[in-house]
Protein backbone atom coordinates (compact mmCIF):
# COMPACT_ATOMS: atom_id res chain seq x y z
CA PHE A 1 15.57 -182.36 -5.90
CA GLY A 2 16.15 -179.07 -5.36
CA THR A 3 18.14 -176.17 -7.10
CA CYS A 4 19.28 -172.94 -5.70
CA THR A 5 19.66 -170.12 -8.42
CA ASP A 6 20.40 -166.32 -7.65
CA ILE A 7 17.95 -163.83 -8.96
CA GLU A 8 18.93 -160.99 -7.40
CA ALA A 9 21.08 -159.88 -11.01
CA GLN A 10 17.51 -160.27 -12.21
CA LYS A 11 15.46 -158.47 -9.78
CA GLN A 12 18.26 -155.38 -9.98
CA LEU A 13 17.32 -154.95 -13.98
CA ALA A 14 13.70 -155.71 -13.19
CA GLU A 15 14.27 -152.94 -10.75
CA ALA A 16 16.15 -150.74 -13.58
CA LEU A 17 13.79 -151.69 -16.35
CA ALA A 18 10.66 -150.54 -14.12
CA HIS A 19 12.86 -147.04 -13.13
CA ALA A 20 14.12 -146.61 -16.82
CA VAL A 21 9.92 -146.69 -17.89
CA ALA A 22 8.84 -144.57 -14.67
CA SER A 23 11.61 -141.72 -16.48
CA ARG A 24 10.67 -141.70 -19.77
CA ASP A 25 7.32 -141.58 -18.78
CA GLU A 26 7.36 -138.94 -16.83
CA PHE A 27 9.92 -136.75 -19.63
CA LEU A 28 7.18 -137.61 -22.18
CA SER A 29 4.30 -136.05 -19.69
CA LEU A 30 6.22 -133.26 -18.85
CA ALA A 31 7.72 -132.93 -22.87
CA SER A 32 3.99 -132.94 -23.95
CA HIS A 33 2.92 -130.53 -21.91
CA GLU A 34 5.80 -128.09 -22.60
CA LEU A 35 5.23 -128.22 -26.23
CA LYS A 36 1.72 -128.73 -26.59
CA THR A 37 0.95 -125.41 -23.98
CA PRO A 38 2.36 -122.71 -26.31
CA LEU A 39 0.82 -124.20 -29.44
CA SER A 40 -2.25 -124.13 -27.93
CA SER A 41 -2.30 -120.52 -26.55
CA LEU A 42 -0.84 -119.67 -30.07
CA ARG A 43 -4.32 -120.74 -32.02
CA LEU A 44 -6.28 -119.72 -29.52
CA GLN A 45 -4.90 -115.62 -30.12
CA LEU A 46 -4.84 -116.46 -33.55
CA GLU A 47 -8.18 -117.76 -33.72
CA PHE A 48 -9.23 -114.20 -31.30
CA ALA A 49 -7.59 -111.76 -33.48
CA ARG A 50 -8.86 -113.79 -36.48
CA ARG A 51 -13.33 -112.90 -35.07
CA LYS A 52 -12.25 -109.62 -33.61
CA SER A 53 -10.92 -108.74 -37.16
CA GLY A 54 -14.19 -108.40 -38.49
CA ALA A 55 -16.06 -109.28 -41.32
CA GLY A 56 -14.50 -106.02 -43.75
CA ARG A 57 -11.39 -107.93 -43.29
CA ALA A 58 -8.98 -107.58 -46.27
CA ASP A 59 -7.96 -110.91 -47.90
CA THR A 60 -4.34 -110.26 -47.30
CA ALA A 61 -5.41 -110.97 -43.39
CA GLU A 62 -7.63 -113.73 -44.21
CA ARG A 63 -5.06 -115.70 -45.87
CA PHE A 64 -2.48 -114.92 -43.00
CA PHE A 65 -4.36 -116.15 -40.31
CA GLU A 66 -5.71 -119.22 -42.52
CA THR A 67 -1.66 -119.71 -42.72
CA SER A 68 -0.62 -118.83 -39.68
CA LEU A 69 -3.72 -121.62 -38.45
CA ARG A 70 -2.55 -124.18 -40.98
CA GLN A 71 1.26 -123.88 -39.76
CA VAL A 72 0.17 -124.23 -36.21
CA GLU A 73 -1.80 -127.10 -37.03
CA ARG A 74 1.30 -128.74 -38.61
CA LEU A 75 3.71 -127.95 -35.08
CA THR A 76 0.81 -129.84 -33.76
CA ARG A 77 0.57 -132.65 -35.50
CA ILE A 78 4.94 -132.89 -35.34
CA VAL A 79 4.19 -132.82 -31.79
CA ALA A 80 1.76 -135.27 -30.87
CA ASP A 81 4.13 -137.56 -33.86
CA LEU A 82 6.89 -137.06 -31.84
CA LEU A 83 5.59 -137.69 -28.36
CA ASP A 84 4.16 -140.77 -30.11
């Protein structure tokens, strides 16, 4: 005995799924880069400014840097969670 089953619809569905997964992966890669790059740059600029401000900086400046860096870290975690 034998059967003749048309699996064309299943093949098309599998191809559509593979295309959707590839599109998703491409989007996540692009989104990851576009969201993380400005945050990395901002963090580096803040760290640089903090170091250049010297040892005699005021408490207000130190609080500014601490708050700014903490918020950048918070945004970084949000972006990571969003991408996950």
